[in-house]
């Protein structure tokens, strides 16, 4: 038996990203970190950790060296990235942005993070649609708001999760500018072990910068 946690993968909920963040944003980050701290170790739904995981793709010189557990900023981050071998660079560049955000939250929460099989506890970062309203970060996509609502219903309704229905939504996520890849991989891992997956107990479910934001925990056994 293990637990799973779904956390938002929005970089804006990391510290020192939004320079004018509201008190509510700080409270949401605290809720995410408290959720991550419910377990001392987590597995991400990936086979290999990127050697470094950071915000360089967003133009921010900050990240974690997963080989040493060190937080790197400024010139230390740049020098570490420059010293990567071609294979290490390939792995770092291939990392899902959602996975990168999850690694940064885990580091800040002071918990251990690994790959599938290193822990029975699954950490699953998600991005719901960034195109669900007129004021969302991306141009609106018809049906995106309904998609988000249906995903959350599939995650939270009933005593056990309808995983087949959830996988159908995950397959459609790209079409509405959502990222559910880690969610699909983690739940498939549990299902492949003949697990019964509980529905999610939400801790947070509200919009952040017009993107519906979900955080909560469940179990699989």
C-alpha atoms as a PDB file:
ATOM      1  CA  UNK A   1       0.000   0.000   0.000  1.00  0.00           C
ATOM      2  CA  UNK A   2       1.171   3.487  -0.817  1.00  0.00           C
ATOM      3  CA  UNK A   3      -0.031   7.040  -0.934  1.00  0.00           C
ATOM      4  CA  UNK A   4      -0.142   9.482  -3.784  1.00  0.00           C
ATOM      5  CA  UNK A   5      -0.148  13.252  -3.779  1.00  0.00           C
ATOM      6  CA  UNK A   6      -1.263  15.496  -6.602  1.00  0.00           C
ATOM      7  CA  UNK A   7       0.364  18.922  -6.528  1.00  0.00           C
ATOM      8  CA  UNK A   8       0.177  21.855  -8.947  1.00  0.00           C
ATOM      9  CA  UNK A   9       3.041  22.117 -11.397  1.00  0.00           C
ATOM     10  CA  UNK A  10       2.809  25.884 -11.930  1.00  0.00           C
ATOM     11  CA  UNK A  11       6.256  27.487 -11.462  1.00  0.00           C
ATOM     12  CA  UNK A  12       4.556  30.642 -10.146  1.00  0.00           C
ATOM     13  CA  UNK A  13       3.806  28.781  -6.895  1.00  0.00           C
ATOM     14  CA  UNK A  14       7.520  28.365  -6.158  1.00  0.00           C
ATOM     15  CA  UNK A  15       9.082  30.999  -3.934  1.00  0.00           C
ATOM     16  CA  UNK A  16      10.638  34.151  -5.366  1.00  0.00           C
ATOM     17  CA  UNK A  17       9.000  33.779  -8.765  1.00  0.00           C
ATOM     18  CA  UNK A  18       6.099  36.220  -8.489  1.00  0.00           C
ATOM     19  CA  UNK A  19       7.611  39.362  -6.981  1.00  0.00           C
ATOM     20  CA  UNK A  20       4.183  40.750  -6.086  1.00  0.00           C
ATOM     21  CA  UNK A  21       2.563  37.544  -4.896  1.00  0.00           C
ATOM     22  CA  UNK A  22      -0.422  37.825  -2.620  1.00  0.00           C
ATOM     23  CA  UNK A  23      -0.783  36.400   0.858  1.00  0.00           C
ATOM     24  CA  UNK A  24      -3.033  33.735  -0.636  1.00  0.00           C
ATOM     25  CA  UNK A  25      -0.233  32.577  -2.952  1.00  0.00           C
ATOM     26  CA  UNK A  26       2.035  32.116   0.053  1.00  0.00           C
ATOM     27  CA  UNK A  27      -0.723  30.139   1.775  1.00  0.00           C
ATOM     28  CA  UNK A  28      -1.122  27.922  -1.289  1.00  0.00           C
ATOM     29  CA  UNK A  29       2.613  27.233  -1.422  1.00  0.00           C
ATOM     30  CA  UNK A  30       2.519  26.344   2.260  1.00  0.00           C
ATOM     31  CA  UNK A  31      -0.339  23.924   1.588  1.00  0.00           C
ATOM     32  CA  UNK A  32       1.674  22.292  -1.201  1.00  0.00           C
ATOM     33  CA  UNK A  33       4.764  21.942   0.980  1.00  0.00           C
ATOM     34  CA  UNK A  34       2.696  20.594   3.896  1.00  0.00           C
ATOM     35  CA  UNK A  35       1.224  18.011   1.521  1.00  0.00           C
ATOM     36  CA  UNK A  36       4.685  16.975   0.347  1.00  0.00           C
ATOM     37  CA  UNK A  37       5.853  16.706   3.946  1.00  0.00           C
ATOM     38  CA  UNK A  38       3.186  14.110   4.752  1.00  0.00           C
ATOM     39  CA  UNK A  39       5.771  11.532   3.620  1.00  0.00           C
ATOM     40  CA  UNK A  40       9.534  11.462   4.164  1.00  0.00           C
ATOM     41  CA  UNK A  41      10.174  10.111   0.666  1.00  0.00           C
ATOM     42  CA  UNK A  42       8.413  10.141  -2.679  1.00  0.00           C
ATOM     43  CA  UNK A  43       8.814   8.541  -6.083  1.00  0.00           C
ATOM     44  CA  UNK A  44       8.201  10.553  -9.207  1.00  0.00           C
ATOM     45  CA  UNK A  45       6.584   8.659 -12.121  1.00  0.00           C
ATOM     46  CA  UNK A  46       9.793   8.566 -14.160  1.00  0.00           C
ATOM     47  CA  UNK A  47      12.533   6.014 -14.721  1.00  0.00           C
ATOM     48  CA  UNK A  48      15.546   8.352 -14.441  1.00  0.00           C
ATOM     49  CA  UNK A  49      16.005  11.580 -12.505  1.00  0.00           C
ATOM     50  CA  UNK A  50      17.449  14.454 -14.510  1.00  0.00           C
ATOM     51  CA  UNK A  51      20.936  15.248 -13.178  1.00  0.00           C
ATOM     52  CA  UNK A  52      19.849  18.831 -12.623  1.00  0.00           C
ATOM     53  CA  UNK A  53      16.332  20.210 -12.403  1.00  0.00           C
ATOM     54  CA  UNK A  54      15.883  23.932 -12.620  1.00  0.00           C
ATOM     55  CA  UNK A  55      14.135  26.980 -13.958  1.00  0.00           C
ATOM     56  CA  UNK A  56      16.550  27.784 -16.762  1.00  0.00           C
ATOM     57  CA  UNK A  57      13.774  27.219 -19.284  1.00  0.00           C
ATOM     58  CA  UNK A  58      11.945  30.129 -17.673  1.00  0.00           C
ATOM     59  CA  UNK A  59      15.075  32.303 -17.658  1.00  0.00           C
ATOM     60  CA  UNK A  60      15.754  31.873 -13.923  1.00  0.00           C
ATOM     61  CA  UNK A  61      19.179  30.696 -12.741  1.00  0.00           C
ATOM     62  CA  UNK A  62      18.011  28.381  -9.989  1.00  0.00           C
ATOM     63  CA  UNK A  63      17.790  24.632  -9.670  1.00  0.00           C
ATOM     64  CA  UNK A  64      18.663  21.481  -7.806  1.00  0.00           C
ATOM     65  CA  UNK A  65      21.543  19.127  -8.517  1.00  0.00           C
ATOM     66  CA  UNK A  66      19.730  15.819  -7.963  1.00  0.00           C
ATOM     67  CA  UNK A  67      23.048  13.968  -7.733  1.00  0.00           C
ATOM     68  CA  UNK A  68      24.105  15.890  -4.621  1.00  0.00           C
ATOM     69  CA  UNK A  69      20.854  17.408  -3.381  1.00  0.00           C
ATOM     70  CA  UNK A  70      22.324  20.917  -3.515  1.00  0.00           C
ATOM     71  CA  UNK A  71      20.264  23.961  -4.358  1.00  0.00           C
ATOM     72  CA  UNK A  72      22.151  25.974  -6.955  1.00  0.00           C
ATOM     73  CA  UNK A  73      21.614  29.628  -7.793  1.00  0.00           C
ATOM     74  CA  UNK A  74      23.310  32.283  -9.873  1.00  0.00           C
ATOM     75  CA  UNK A  75      26.772  31.401 -11.115  1.00  0.00           C
ATOM     76  CA  UNK A  76      26.736  28.038  -9.304  1.00  0.00           C
ATOM     77  CA  UNK A  77      23.726  27.009 -11.357  1.00  0.00           C
ATOM     78  CA  UNK A  78      25.277  28.228 -14.602  1.00  0.00           C
ATOM     79  CA  UNK A  79      28.606  26.513 -13.960  1.00  0.00           C
ATOM     80  CA  UNK A  80      26.918  23.221 -13.058  1.00  0.00           C
ATOM     81  CA  UNK A  81      24.839  23.285 -16.233  1.00  0.00           C
ATOM     82  CA  UNK A  82      27.903  24.127 -18.329  1.00  0.00           C
ATOM     83  CA  UNK A  83      29.773  21.136 -16.856  1.00  0.00           C
ATOM     84  CA  UNK A  84      27.103  18.568 -17.819  1.00  0.00           C
ATOM     85  CA  UNK A  85      28.151  15.834 -20.210  1.00  0.00           C
ATOM     86  CA  UNK A  86      26.195  15.568 -23.471  1.00  0.00           C
ATOM     87  CA  UNK A  87      24.141  12.675 -22.041  1.00  0.00           C
ATOM     88  CA  UNK A  88      23.475  14.529 -18.785  1.00  0.00           C
ATOM     89  CA  UNK A  89      22.398  17.573 -20.755  1.00  0.00           C
ATOM     90  CA  UNK A  90      20.057  15.457 -22.856  1.00  0.00           C
ATOM     91  CA  UNK A  91      18.422  14.035 -19.737  1.00  0.00           C
ATOM     92  CA  UNK A  92      18.110  17.465 -18.157  1.00  0.00           C
ATOM     93  CA  UNK A  93      16.582  19.016 -21.260  1.00  0.00           C
ATOM     94  CA  UNK A  94      14.147  16.120 -21.674  1.00  0.00           C
ATOM     95  CA  UNK A  95      12.675  16.530 -18.184  1.00  0.00           C
ATOM     96  CA  UNK A  96       8.980  17.367 -18.076  1.00  0.00           C
ATOM     97  CA  UNK A  97       8.542  20.894 -16.647  1.00  0.00           C
ATOM     98  CA  UNK A  98       6.017  19.472 -14.180  1.00  0.00           C
ATOM     99  CA  UNK A  99       8.652  17.053 -12.870  1.00  0.00           C
ATOM    100  CA  UNK A 100      11.113  19.910 -12.444  1.00  0.00           C
ATOM    101  CA  UNK A 101       8.631  21.879 -10.328  1.00  0.00           C
ATOM    102  CA  UNK A 102       7.909  18.792  -8.213  1.00  0.00           C
ATOM    103  CA  UNK A 103      11.622  18.263  -7.550  1.00  0.00           C
ATOM    104  CA  UNK A 104      11.978  21.884  -6.442  1.00  0.00           C
ATOM    105  CA  UNK A 105       8.995  21.610  -4.087  1.00  0.00           C
ATOM    106  CA  UNK A 106      10.360  18.365  -2.638  1.00  0.00           C
ATOM    107  CA  UNK A 107      13.768  19.909  -2.078  1.00  0.00           C
ATOM    108  CA  UNK A 108      12.263  22.944  -0.373  1.00  0.00           C
ATOM    109  CA  UNK A 109      10.103  20.654   1.781  1.00  0.00           C
ATOM    110  CA  UNK A 110      13.170  18.693   2.872  1.00  0.00           C
ATOM    111  CA  UNK A 111      11.973  15.282   1.681  1.00  0.00           C
ATOM    112  CA  UNK A 112      13.686  12.627  -0.425  1.00  0.00           C
ATOM    113  CA  UNK A 113      12.721  12.201  -4.050  1.00  0.00           C
ATOM    114  CA  UNK A 114      13.442   9.280  -6.367  1.00  0.00           C
ATOM    115  CA  UNK A 115      12.191   7.382  -9.381  1.00  0.00           C
ATOM    116  CA  UNK A 116       9.532   4.697  -9.728  1.00  0.00           C
ATOM    117  CA  UNK A 117      10.220   1.818  -7.378  1.00  0.00           C
ATOM    118  CA  UNK A 118      12.224   3.806  -4.845  1.00  0.00           C
ATOM    119  CA  UNK A 119       9.158   4.531  -2.723  1.00  0.00           C
ATOM    120  CA  UNK A 120       5.535   3.395  -2.526  1.00  0.00           C
ATOM    121  CA  UNK A 121       4.519   7.049  -2.304  1.00  0.00           C
ATOM    122  CA  UNK A 122       3.875   8.698  -5.662  1.00  0.00           C
ATOM    123  CA  UNK A 123       4.261  12.448  -6.195  1.00  0.00           C
ATOM    124  CA  UNK A 124       2.217  13.506  -9.220  1.00  0.00           C
ATOM    125  CA  UNK A 125       2.502  17.116 -10.448  1.00  0.00           C
ATOM    126  CA  UNK A 126      -0.224  18.320 -12.816  1.00  0.00           C
ATOM    127  CA  UNK A 127      -1.144  21.388 -14.828  1.00  0.00           C
ATOM    128  CA  UNK A 128      -4.808  21.822 -15.621  1.00  0.00           C
ATOM    129  CA  UNK A 129      -5.750  23.914 -18.645  1.00  0.00           C
ATOM    130  CA  UNK A 130      -4.044  27.236 -19.191  1.00  0.00           C
ATOM    131  CA  UNK A 131      -6.693  28.080 -21.773  1.00  0.00           C
ATOM    132  CA  UNK A 132      -9.937  27.720 -19.853  1.00  0.00           C
ATOM    133  CA  UNK A 133     -10.977  31.401 -19.597  1.00  0.00           C
ATOM    134  CA  UNK A 134     -10.677  34.622 -21.577  1.00  0.00           C
ATOM    135  CA  UNK A 135      -8.031  35.890 -19.145  1.00  0.00           C
ATOM    136  CA  UNK A 136      -6.024  32.660 -18.868  1.00  0.00           C
ATOM    137  CA  UNK A 137      -2.330  32.594 -19.838  1.00  0.00           C
ATOM    138  CA  UNK A 138      -3.094  31.040 -23.238  1.00  0.00           C
ATOM    139  CA  UNK A 139      -5.716  31.804 -25.849  1.00  0.00           C
ATOM    140  CA  UNK A 140      -9.035  30.228 -24.846  1.00  0.00           C
ATOM    141  CA  UNK A 141      -9.819  26.725 -26.080  1.00  0.00           C
ATOM    142  CA  UNK A 142     -13.444  25.657 -26.384  1.00  0.00           C
ATOM    143  CA  UNK A 143     -14.300  23.032 -23.805  1.00  0.00           C
ATOM    144  CA  UNK A 144     -11.198  23.550 -21.655  1.00  0.00           C
ATOM    145  CA  UNK A 145     -13.122  24.598 -18.540  1.00  0.00           C
ATOM    146  CA  UNK A 146     -15.450  21.612 -18.898  1.00  0.00           C
ATOM    147  CA  UNK A 147     -12.400  19.386 -19.350  1.00  0.00           C
ATOM    148  CA  UNK A 148     -10.867  20.610 -16.093  1.00  0.00           C
ATOM    149  CA  UNK A 149     -14.136  20.057 -14.252  1.00  0.00           C
ATOM    150  CA  UNK A 150     -14.436  16.530 -15.645  1.00  0.00           C
ATOM    151  CA  UNK A 151     -10.861  15.657 -14.653  1.00  0.00           C
ATOM    152  CA  UNK A 152     -11.436  16.845 -11.099  1.00  0.00           C
ATOM    153  CA  UNK A 153     -14.697  14.930 -10.916  1.00  0.00           C
ATOM    154  CA  UNK A 154     -12.896  11.768 -12.062  1.00  0.00           C
ATOM    155  CA  UNK A 155     -10.227  12.310  -9.422  1.00  0.00           C
ATOM    156  CA  UNK A 156     -12.525  13.092  -6.513  1.00  0.00           C
ATOM    157  CA  UNK A 157     -15.904  11.377  -7.009  1.00  0.00           C
ATOM    158  CA  UNK A 158     -16.738   8.105  -5.285  1.00  0.00           C
ATOM    159  CA  UNK A 159     -14.657   5.867  -3.028  1.00  0.00           C
ATOM    160  CA  UNK A 160     -12.346   4.602  -5.783  1.00  0.00           C
ATOM    161  CA  UNK A 161     -10.999   6.260  -8.883  1.00  0.00           C
ATOM    162  CA  UNK A 162     -12.402   5.407 -12.312  1.00  0.00           C
ATOM    163  CA  UNK A 163      -8.925   5.027 -13.769  1.00  0.00           C
ATOM    164  CA  UNK A 164     -10.014   4.150 -17.308  1.00  0.00           C
ATOM    165  CA  UNK A 165     -12.059   7.330 -17.510  1.00  0.00           C
ATOM    166  CA  UNK A 166      -9.152   9.289 -16.083  1.00  0.00           C
ATOM    167  CA  UNK A 167      -6.768   7.855 -18.679  1.00  0.00           C
ATOM    168  CA  UNK A 168      -9.142   9.005 -21.426  1.00  0.00           C
ATOM    169  CA  UNK A 169      -8.909  12.536 -20.119  1.00  0.00           C
ATOM    170  CA  UNK A 170      -5.123  12.314 -19.807  1.00  0.00           C
ATOM    171  CA  UNK A 171      -4.911  11.312 -23.475  1.00  0.00           C
ATOM    172  CA  UNK A 172      -6.799  14.499 -24.398  1.00  0.00           C
ATOM    173  CA  UNK A 173      -4.904  16.882 -22.145  1.00  0.00           C
ATOM    174  CA  UNK A 174      -2.625  18.367 -24.803  1.00  0.00           C
ATOM    175  CA  UNK A 175      -5.633  19.490 -26.843  1.00  0.00           C
ATOM    176  CA  UNK A 176      -6.722  21.860 -24.059  1.00  0.00           C
ATOM    177  CA  UNK A 177      -3.245  23.014 -22.977  1.00  0.00           C
ATOM    178  CA  UNK A 178      -3.119  20.828 -19.881  1.00  0.00           C
ATOM    179  CA  UNK A 179      -0.278  18.586 -18.719  1.00  0.00           C
ATOM    180  CA  UNK A 180      -1.404  15.340 -17.097  1.00  0.00           C
ATOM    181  CA  UNK A 181       1.525  13.178 -18.205  1.00  0.00           C
ATOM    182  CA  UNK A 182       2.876  12.572 -14.702  1.00  0.00           C
ATOM    183  CA  UNK A 183      -0.612  11.833 -13.394  1.00  0.00           C
ATOM    184  CA  UNK A 184      -1.218   9.236 -16.109  1.00  0.00           C
ATOM    185  CA  UNK A 185       2.191   7.614 -15.571  1.00  0.00           C
ATOM    186  CA  UNK A 186       1.782   7.404 -11.809  1.00  0.00           C
ATOM    187  CA  UNK A 187      -1.737   5.997 -11.828  1.00  0.00           C
ATOM    188  CA  UNK A 188      -0.784   3.501 -14.569  1.00  0.00           C
ATOM    189  CA  UNK A 189       2.085   2.348 -12.362  1.00  0.00           C
ATOM    190  CA  UNK A 190      -0.344   1.680  -9.514  1.00  0.00           C
ATOM    191  CA  UNK A 191      -2.862  -0.041 -11.785  1.00  0.00           C
ATOM    192  CA  UNK A 192      -0.130  -2.242 -13.283  1.00  0.00           C
ATOM    193  CA  UNK A 193       0.348  -3.622  -9.783  1.00  0.00           C
ATOM    194  CA  UNK A 194      -3.346  -4.497  -9.569  1.00  0.00           C
ATOM    195  CA  UNK A 195      -3.869  -1.700  -7.066  1.00  0.00           C
ATOM    196  CA  UNK A 196      -7.160  -0.230  -6.028  1.00  0.00           C
ATOM    197  CA  UNK A 197      -6.743   3.550  -6.242  1.00  0.00           C
ATOM    198  CA  UNK A 198      -8.736   5.775  -3.919  1.00  0.00           C
ATOM    199  CA  UNK A 199     -10.149   9.064  -5.047  1.00  0.00           C
ATOM    200  CA  UNK A 200      -8.341  12.244  -4.114  1.00  0.00           C
ATOM    201  CA  UNK A 201      -9.012  14.138  -0.915  1.00  0.00           C
ATOM    202  CA  UNK A 202      -8.568  17.742  -2.075  1.00  0.00           C
ATOM    203  CA  UNK A 203      -6.701  20.238   0.066  1.00  0.00           C
ATOM    204  CA  UNK A 204      -6.710  23.015  -2.534  1.00  0.00           C
ATOM    205  CA  UNK A 205      -9.055  23.471  -5.496  1.00  0.00           C
ATOM    206  CA  UNK A 206      -9.181  27.038  -6.758  1.00  0.00           C
ATOM    207  CA  UNK A 207      -7.934  29.194  -9.639  1.00  0.00           C
ATOM    208  CA  UNK A 208      -4.455  30.695  -9.616  1.00  0.00           C
ATOM    209  CA  UNK A 209      -3.921  33.264 -12.364  1.00  0.00           C
ATOM    210  CA  UNK A 210      -7.018  31.844 -14.097  1.00  0.00           C
ATOM    211  CA  UNK A 211      -5.721  28.262 -14.016  1.00  0.00           C
ATOM    212  CA  UNK A 212      -7.603  25.769 -11.872  1.00  0.00           C
ATOM    213  CA  UNK A 213      -5.193  24.521  -9.223  1.00  0.00           C
ATOM    214  CA  UNK A 214      -5.548  21.213  -7.416  1.00  0.00           C
ATOM    215  CA  UNK A 215      -3.624  19.686  -4.517  1.00  0.00           C
ATOM    216  CA  UNK A 216      -4.514  16.656  -2.416  1.00  0.00           C
ATOM    217  CA  UNK A 217      -3.725  13.109  -1.405  1.00  0.00           C
ATOM    218  CA  UNK A 218      -5.043   9.563  -1.803  1.00  0.00           C
ATOM    219  CA  UNK A 219      -3.969   5.956  -1.438  1.00  0.00           C
ATOM    220  CA  UNK A 220      -3.362   2.927  -3.626  1.00  0.00           C
ATOM    221  CA  UNK A 221      -3.285  -0.656  -2.456  1.00  0.00           C
END
